[in-house]
Amino acid sequence: MDLREKLHEEGVRLLIKHREFWPIDHAHNTRIDGARYRQRAMCKTVFSTVKLTLGDGVRARTWYGEFR
């Protein structure tokens, strides 16, 4: 929650859903923009598929390679 509050102060709109322990958490999740959340979910799906199909081929072999 501290990270969420700091990002909110900076004006960042989060697309990570809240864990639903209380009714207010459910309310926060309904306020998340549906189109942007689906875009985030699609990106995660693509990254997962690439990592599964290519495996070690997508990991950098050197420290410098991580930033290329």
PDB file of N, CA and C in Angstrom:
ATOM      1  N   MET A   1       0.813  -1.191   0.000  1.00  0.00           N
ATOM      2  CA  MET A   1       0.000   0.000   0.000  1.00  0.00           C
ATOM      3  C   MET A   1       0.862   1.262   0.000  1.00  0.00           C
ATOM      4  N   ASP A   2       2.024   1.207   0.656  1.00  0.00           N
ATOM      5  CA  ASP A   2       2.894   2.385   0.674  1.00  0.00           C
ATOM      6  C   ASP A   2       3.340   2.752  -0.734  1.00  0.00           C
ATOM      7  N   LEU A   3       3.692   1.729  -1.523  1.00  0.00           N
ATOM      8  CA  LEU A   3       4.113   1.972  -2.902  1.00  0.00           C
ATOM      9  C   LEU A   3       2.970   2.567  -3.712  1.00  0.00           C
ATOM     10  N   ARG A   4       1.769   2.029  -3.545  1.00  0.00           N
ATOM     11  CA  ARG A   4       0.607   2.568  -4.252  1.00  0.00           C
ATOM     12  C   ARG A   4       0.392   4.044  -3.914  1.00  0.00           C
ATOM     13  N   GLU A   5       0.511   4.377  -2.635  1.00  0.00           N
ATOM     14  CA  GLU A   5       0.301   5.763  -2.209  1.00  0.00           C
ATOM     15  C   GLU A   5       1.360   6.690  -2.787  1.00  0.00           C
ATOM     16  N   LYS A   6       2.621   6.252  -2.806  1.00  0.00           N
ATOM     17  CA  LYS A   6       3.687   7.078  -3.376  1.00  0.00           C
ATOM     18  C   LYS A   6       3.479   7.296  -4.872  1.00  0.00           C
ATOM     19  N   LEU A   7       3.104   6.235  -5.574  1.00  0.00           N
ATOM     20  CA  LEU A   7       2.856   6.373  -7.004  1.00  0.00           C
ATOM     21  C   LEU A   7       1.655   7.266  -7.270  1.00  0.00           C
ATOM     22  N   HIS A   8       0.629   7.169  -6.431  1.00  0.00           N
ATOM     23  CA  HIS A   8      -0.555   8.016  -6.603  1.00  0.00           C
ATOM     24  C   HIS A   8      -0.197   9.485  -6.413  1.00  0.00           C
ATOM     25  N   GLU A   9       0.698   9.770  -5.464  1.00  0.00           N
ATOM     26  CA  GLU A   9       1.159  11.146  -5.243  1.00  0.00           C
ATOM     27  C   GLU A   9       1.896  11.688  -6.459  1.00  0.00           C
ATOM     28  N   GLU A  10       2.581  10.800  -7.184  1.00  0.00           N
ATOM     29  CA  GLU A  10       3.321  11.198  -8.384  1.00  0.00           C
ATOM     30  C   GLU A  10       2.410  11.314  -9.604  1.00  0.00           C
ATOM     31  N   GLY A  11       1.148  10.921  -9.460  1.00  0.00           N
ATOM     32  CA  GLY A  11       0.214  11.018 -10.575  1.00  0.00           C
ATOM     33  C   GLY A  11       0.185   9.788 -11.471  1.00  0.00           C
ATOM     34  N   VAL A  12       0.724   8.664 -10.988  1.00  0.00           N
ATOM     35  CA  VAL A  12       0.747   7.428 -11.764  1.00  0.00           C
ATOM     36  C   VAL A  12      -0.561   6.678 -11.532  1.00  0.00           C
ATOM     37  N   ARG A  13      -1.206   6.252 -12.604  1.00  0.00           N
ATOM     38  CA  ARG A  13      -2.453   5.481 -12.505  1.00  0.00           C
ATOM     39  C   ARG A  13      -2.110   4.001 -12.608  1.00  0.00           C
ATOM     40  N   LEU A  14      -2.351   3.249 -11.544  1.00  0.00           N
ATOM     41  CA  LEU A  14      -1.975   1.838 -11.503  1.00  0.00           C
ATOM     42  C   LEU A  14      -2.981   0.962 -12.226  1.00  0.00           C
ATOM     43  N   LEU A  15      -2.487  -0.097 -12.826  1.00  0.00           N
ATOM     44  CA  LEU A  15      -3.347  -1.070 -13.486  1.00  0.00           C
ATOM     45  C   LEU A  15      -3.298  -2.419 -12.785  1.00  0.00           C
ATOM     46  N   ILE A  16      -2.691  -2.451 -11.614  1.00  0.00           N
ATOM     47  CA  ILE A  16      -2.623  -3.684 -10.843  1.00  0.00           C
ATOM     48  C   ILE A  16      -3.819  -3.702  -9.903  1.00  0.00           C
ATOM     49  N   LYS A  17      -4.598  -4.755  -9.984  1.00  0.00           N
ATOM     50  CA  LYS A  17      -5.807  -4.816  -9.178  1.00  0.00           C
ATOM     51  C   LYS A  17      -5.481  -5.060  -7.709  1.00  0.00           C
ATOM     52  N   HIS A  18      -6.364  -4.550  -6.849  1.00  0.00           N
ATOM     53  CA  HIS A  18      -6.235  -4.754  -5.411  1.00  0.00           C
ATOM     54  C   HIS A  18      -6.665  -6.172  -5.050  1.00  0.00           C
ATOM     55  N   ARG A  19      -6.063  -6.736  -4.015  1.00  0.00           N
ATOM     56  CA  ARG A  19      -6.568  -7.983  -3.457  1.00  0.00           C
ATOM     57  C   ARG A  19      -7.847  -7.633  -2.719  1.00  0.00           C
ATOM     58  N   GLU A  20      -8.861  -8.423  -2.882  1.00  0.00           N
ATOM     59  CA  GLU A  20     -10.178  -8.071  -2.365  1.00  0.00           C
ATOM     60  C   GLU A  20     -10.421  -8.678  -0.985  1.00  0.00           C
ATOM     61  N   PHE A  21     -10.038  -7.905   0.046  1.00  0.00           N
ATOM     62  CA  PHE A  21     -10.319  -8.296   1.411  1.00  0.00           C
ATOM     63  C   PHE A  21     -11.552  -7.571   1.939  1.00  0.00           C
ATOM     64  N   TRP A  22     -11.767  -6.366   1.455  1.00  0.00           N
ATOM     65  CA  TRP A  22     -12.847  -5.505   1.944  1.00  0.00           C
ATOM     66  C   TRP A  22     -13.666  -5.009   0.764  1.00  0.00           C
ATOM     67  N   PRO A  23     -14.885  -4.582   0.993  1.00  0.00           N
ATOM     68  CA  PRO A  23     -15.704  -4.053  -0.109  1.00  0.00           C
ATOM     69  C   PRO A  23     -15.065  -2.860  -0.820  1.00  0.00           C
ATOM     70  N   ILE A  24     -14.277  -2.062  -0.100  1.00  0.00           N
ATOM     71  CA  ILE A  24     -13.629  -0.906  -0.739  1.00  0.00           C
ATOM     72  C   ILE A  24     -12.619  -1.371  -1.790  1.00  0.00           C
ATOM     73  N   ASP A  25     -11.989  -2.527  -1.562  1.00  0.00           N
ATOM     74  CA  ASP A  25     -11.049  -3.073  -2.550  1.00  0.00           C
ATOM     75  C   ASP A  25     -11.776  -3.421  -3.843  1.00  0.00           C
ATOM     76  N   HIS A  26     -12.954  -3.984  -3.720  1.00  0.00           N
ATOM     77  CA  HIS A  26     -13.760  -4.295  -4.902  1.00  0.00           C
ATOM     78  C   HIS A  26     -14.121  -3.005  -5.642  1.00  0.00           C
ATOM     79  N   ALA A  27     -14.421  -1.953  -4.896  1.00  0.00           N
ATOM     80  CA  ALA A  27     -14.748  -0.666  -5.512  1.00  0.00           C
ATOM     81  C   ALA A  27     -13.547  -0.099  -6.258  1.00  0.00           C
ATOM     82  N   HIS A  28     -12.361  -0.230  -5.670  1.00  0.00           N
ATOM     83  CA  HIS A  28     -11.145   0.247  -6.361  1.00  0.00           C
ATOM     84  C   HIS A  28     -10.945  -0.506  -7.674  1.00  0.00           C
ATOM     85  N   ASN A  29     -11.186  -1.809  -7.654  1.00  0.00           N
ATOM     86  CA  ASN A  29     -10.979  -2.617  -8.859  1.00  0.00           C
ATOM     87  C   ASN A  29     -11.966  -2.259  -9.959  1.00  0.00           C
ATOM     88  N   THR A  30     -13.171  -1.858  -9.613  1.00  0.00           N
ATOM     89  CA  THR A  30     -14.139  -1.485 -10.648  1.00  0.00           C
ATOM     90  C   THR A  30     -13.790  -0.160 -11.292  1.00  0.00           C
ATOM     91  N   ARG A  31     -12.989   0.653 -10.627  1.00  0.00           N
ATOM     92  CA  ARG A  31     -12.591   1.948 -11.185  1.00  0.00           C
ATOM     93  C   ARG A  31     -11.449   1.836 -12.187  1.00  0.00           C
ATOM     94  N   ILE A  32     -10.799   0.683 -12.260  1.00  0.00           N
ATOM     95  CA  ILE A  32      -9.694   0.504 -13.202  1.00  0.00           C
ATOM     96  C   ILE A  32     -10.248   0.478 -14.613  1.00  0.00           C
ATOM     97  N   ASP A  33      -9.590   1.227 -15.484  1.00  0.00           N
ATOM     98  CA  ASP A  33     -10.021   1.335 -16.884  1.00  0.00           C
ATOM     99  C   ASP A  33      -9.904  -0.032 -17.560  1.00  0.00           C
ATOM    100  N   GLY A  34     -11.023  -0.551 -18.058  1.00  0.00           N
ATOM    101  CA  GLY A  34     -11.068  -1.890 -18.631  1.00  0.00           C
ATOM    102  C   GLY A  34     -10.176  -2.065 -19.842  1.00  0.00           C
ATOM    103  N   ALA A  35     -10.160  -1.085 -20.738  1.00  0.00           N
ATOM    104  CA  ALA A  35      -9.357  -1.211 -21.960  1.00  0.00           C
ATOM    105  C   ALA A  35      -7.876  -1.257 -21.633  1.00  0.00           C
ATOM    106  N   ARG A  36      -7.432  -0.427 -20.705  1.00  0.00           N
ATOM    107  CA  ARG A  36      -6.012  -0.425 -20.340  1.00  0.00           C
ATOM    108  C   ARG A  36      -5.630  -1.690 -19.595  1.00  0.00           C
ATOM    109  N   TYR A  37      -6.528  -2.186 -18.740  1.00  0.00           N
ATOM    110  CA  TYR A  37      -6.212  -3.422 -18.013  1.00  0.00           C
ATOM    111  C   TYR A  37      -6.101  -4.594 -18.974  1.00  0.00           C
ATOM    112  N   ARG A  38      -6.968  -4.654 -19.975  1.00  0.00           N
ATOM    113  CA  ARG A  38      -6.872  -5.734 -20.961  1.00  0.00           C
ATOM    114  C   ARG A  38      -5.573  -5.624 -21.751  1.00  0.00           C
ATOM    115  N   GLN A  39      -5.120  -4.400 -22.006  1.00  0.00           N
ATOM    116  CA  GLN A  39      -3.855  -4.214 -22.713  1.00  0.00           C
ATOM    117  C   GLN A  39      -2.700  -4.742 -21.853  1.00  0.00           C
ATOM    118  N   ARG A  40      -2.744  -4.475 -20.549  1.00  0.00           N
ATOM    119  CA  ARG A  40      -1.719  -4.969 -19.641  1.00  0.00           C
ATOM    120  C   ARG A  40      -1.734  -6.498 -19.627  1.00  0.00           C
ATOM    121  N   ALA A  41      -2.924  -7.083 -19.563  1.00  0.00           N
ATOM    122  CA  ALA A  41      -3.041  -8.534 -19.540  1.00  0.00           C
ATOM    123  C   ALA A  41      -2.499  -9.142 -20.833  1.00  0.00           C
ATOM    124  N   MET A  42      -2.748  -8.495 -21.958  1.00  0.00           N
ATOM    125  CA  MET A  42      -2.252  -8.994 -23.238  1.00  0.00           C
ATOM    126  C   MET A  42      -0.724  -8.937 -23.280  1.00  0.00           C
ATOM    127  N   CYS A  43      -0.137  -7.873 -22.745  1.00  0.00           N
ATOM    128  CA  CYS A  43       1.329  -7.777 -22.704  1.00  0.00           C
ATOM    129  C   CYS A  43       1.920  -8.896 -21.863  1.00  0.00           C
ATOM    130  N   LYS A  44       1.315  -9.168 -20.711  1.00  0.00           N
ATOM    131  CA  LYS A  44       1.815 -10.241 -19.859  1.00  0.00           C
ATOM    132  C   LYS A  44       1.701 -11.590 -20.566  1.00  0.00           C
ATOM    133  N   THR A  45       0.637 -11.790 -21.339  1.00  0.00           N
ATOM    134  CA  THR A  45       0.460 -13.035 -22.081  1.00  0.00           C
ATOM    135  C   THR A  45       1.543 -13.188 -23.139  1.00  0.00           C
ATOM    136  N   VAL A  46       1.839 -12.116 -23.839  1.00  0.00           N
ATOM    137  CA  VAL A  46       2.874 -12.161 -24.874  1.00  0.00           C
ATOM    138  C   VAL A  46       4.237 -12.455 -24.250  1.00  0.00           C
ATOM    139  N   PHE A  47       4.583 -11.774 -23.152  1.00  0.00           N
ATOM    140  CA  PHE A  47       5.872 -12.015 -22.498  1.00  0.00           C
ATOM    141  C   PHE A  47       5.984 -13.461 -22.036  1.00  0.00           C
ATOM    142  N   SER A  48       4.903 -13.983 -21.472  1.00  0.00           N
ATOM    143  CA  SER A  48       4.913 -15.364 -21.003  1.00  0.00           C
ATOM    144  C   SER A  48       5.109 -16.338 -22.160  1.00  0.00           C
ATOM    145  N   THR A  49       4.433 -16.103 -23.268  1.00  0.00           N
ATOM    146  CA  THR A  49       4.553 -16.980 -24.429  1.00  0.00           C
ATOM    147  C   THR A  49       5.961 -16.945 -25.007  1.00  0.00           C
ATOM    148  N   VAL A  50       6.541 -15.759 -25.100  1.00  0.00           N
ATOM    149  CA  VAL A  50       7.902 -15.637 -25.627  1.00  0.00           C
ATOM    150  C   VAL A  50       8.884 -16.373 -24.721  1.00  0.00           C
ATOM    151  N   LYS A  51       8.746 -16.211 -23.412  1.00  0.00           N
ATOM    152  CA  LYS A  51       9.651 -16.896 -22.495  1.00  0.00           C
ATOM    153  C   LYS A  51       9.491 -18.406 -22.562  1.00  0.00           C
ATOM    154  N   LEU A  52       8.262 -18.882 -22.743  1.00  0.00           N
ATOM    155  CA  LEU A  52       8.044 -20.324 -22.835  1.00  0.00           C
ATOM    156  C   LEU A  52       8.606 -20.910 -24.117  1.00  0.00           C
ATOM    157  N   THR A  53       8.434 -20.203 -25.231  1.00  0.00           N
ATOM    158  CA  THR A  53       8.879 -20.755 -26.513  1.00  0.00           C
ATOM    159  C   THR A  53      10.378 -20.610 -26.731  1.00  0.00           C
ATOM    160  N   LEU A  54      10.960 -19.508 -26.287  1.00  0.00           N
ATOM    161  CA  LEU A  54      12.384 -19.276 -26.542  1.00  0.00           C
ATOM    162  C   LEU A  54      13.279 -19.634 -25.361  1.00  0.00           C
ATOM    163  N   GLY A  55      12.712 -19.685 -24.176  1.00  0.00           N
ATOM    164  CA  GLY A  55      13.477 -20.087 -22.998  1.00  0.00           C
ATOM    165  C   GLY A  55      14.681 -19.212 -22.744  1.00  0.00           C
ATOM    166  N   ASP A  56      15.854 -19.832 -22.705  1.00  0.00           N
ATOM    167  CA  ASP A  56      17.084 -19.108 -22.387  1.00  0.00           C
ATOM    168  C   ASP A  56      17.487 -18.127 -23.482  1.00  0.00           C
ATOM    169  N   GLY A  57      16.907 -18.240 -24.637  1.00  0.00           N
ATOM    170  CA  GLY A  57      17.269 -17.343 -25.732  1.00  0.00           C
ATOM    171  C   GLY A  57      16.893 -15.896 -25.486  1.00  0.00           C
ATOM    172  N   VAL A  58      15.973 -15.644 -24.576  1.00  0.00           N
ATOM    173  CA  VAL A  58      15.577 -14.257 -24.315  1.00  0.00           C
ATOM    174  C   VAL A  58      16.281 -13.670 -23.105  1.00  0.00           C
ATOM    175  N   ARG A  59      17.072 -14.464 -22.433  1.00  0.00           N
ATOM    176  CA  ARG A  59      17.795 -13.958 -21.268  1.00  0.00           C
ATOM    177  C   ARG A  59      19.160 -13.424 -21.708  1.00  0.00           C
ATOM    178  N   ALA A  60      19.557 -12.323 -21.123  1.00  0.00           N
ATOM    179  CA  ALA A  60      20.844 -11.728 -21.468  1.00  0.00           C
ATOM    180  C   ALA A  60      21.978 -12.607 -20.942  1.00  0.00           C
ATOM    181  N   ARG A  61      23.004 -12.746 -21.751  1.00  0.00           N
ATOM    182  CA  ARG A  61      24.146 -13.553 -21.336  1.00  0.00           C
ATOM    183  C   ARG A  61      25.155 -12.748 -20.535  1.00  0.00           C
ATOM    184  N   THR A  62      25.148 -11.434 -20.710  1.00  0.00           N
ATOM    185  CA  THR A  62      26.076 -10.571 -19.985  1.00  0.00           C
ATOM    186  C   THR A  62      25.304  -9.462 -19.298  1.00  0.00           C
ATOM    187  N   TRP A  63      25.951  -8.815 -18.345  1.00  0.00           N
ATOM    188  CA  TRP A  63      25.336  -7.699 -17.637  1.00  0.00           C
ATOM    189  C   TRP A  63      24.987  -6.587 -18.633  1.00  0.00           C
ATOM    190  N   TYR A  64      25.917  -6.313 -19.560  1.00  0.00           N
ATOM    191  CA  TYR A  64      25.690  -5.260 -20.538  1.00  0.00           C
ATOM    192  C   TYR A  64      24.533  -5.605 -21.464  1.00  0.00           C
ATOM    193  N   GLY A  65      24.370  -6.875 -21.756  1.00  0.00           N
ATOM    194  CA  GLY A  65      23.315  -7.318 -22.652  1.00  0.00           C
ATOM    195  C   GLY A  65      21.913  -7.061 -22.124  1.00  0.00           C
ATOM    196  N   GLU A  66      21.778  -6.886 -20.806  1.00  0.00           N
ATOM    197  CA  GLU A  66      20.480  -6.616 -20.227  1.00  0.00           C
ATOM    198  C   GLU A  66      19.918  -5.265 -20.666  1.00  0.00           C
ATOM    199  N   PHE A  67      20.799  -4.375 -21.084  1.00  0.00           N
ATOM    200  CA  PHE A  67      20.379  -3.015 -21.406  1.00  0.00           C
ATOM    201  C   PHE A  67      20.377  -2.732 -22.899  1.00  0.00           C
ATOM    202  N   ARG A  68      20.522  -3.740 -23.737  1.00  0.00           N
ATOM    203  CA  ARG A  68      20.530  -3.548 -25.186  1.00  0.00           C
ATOM    204  C   ARG A  68      19.141  -3.680 -25.735  1.00  0.00           C
TER     205      ARG A  68
END
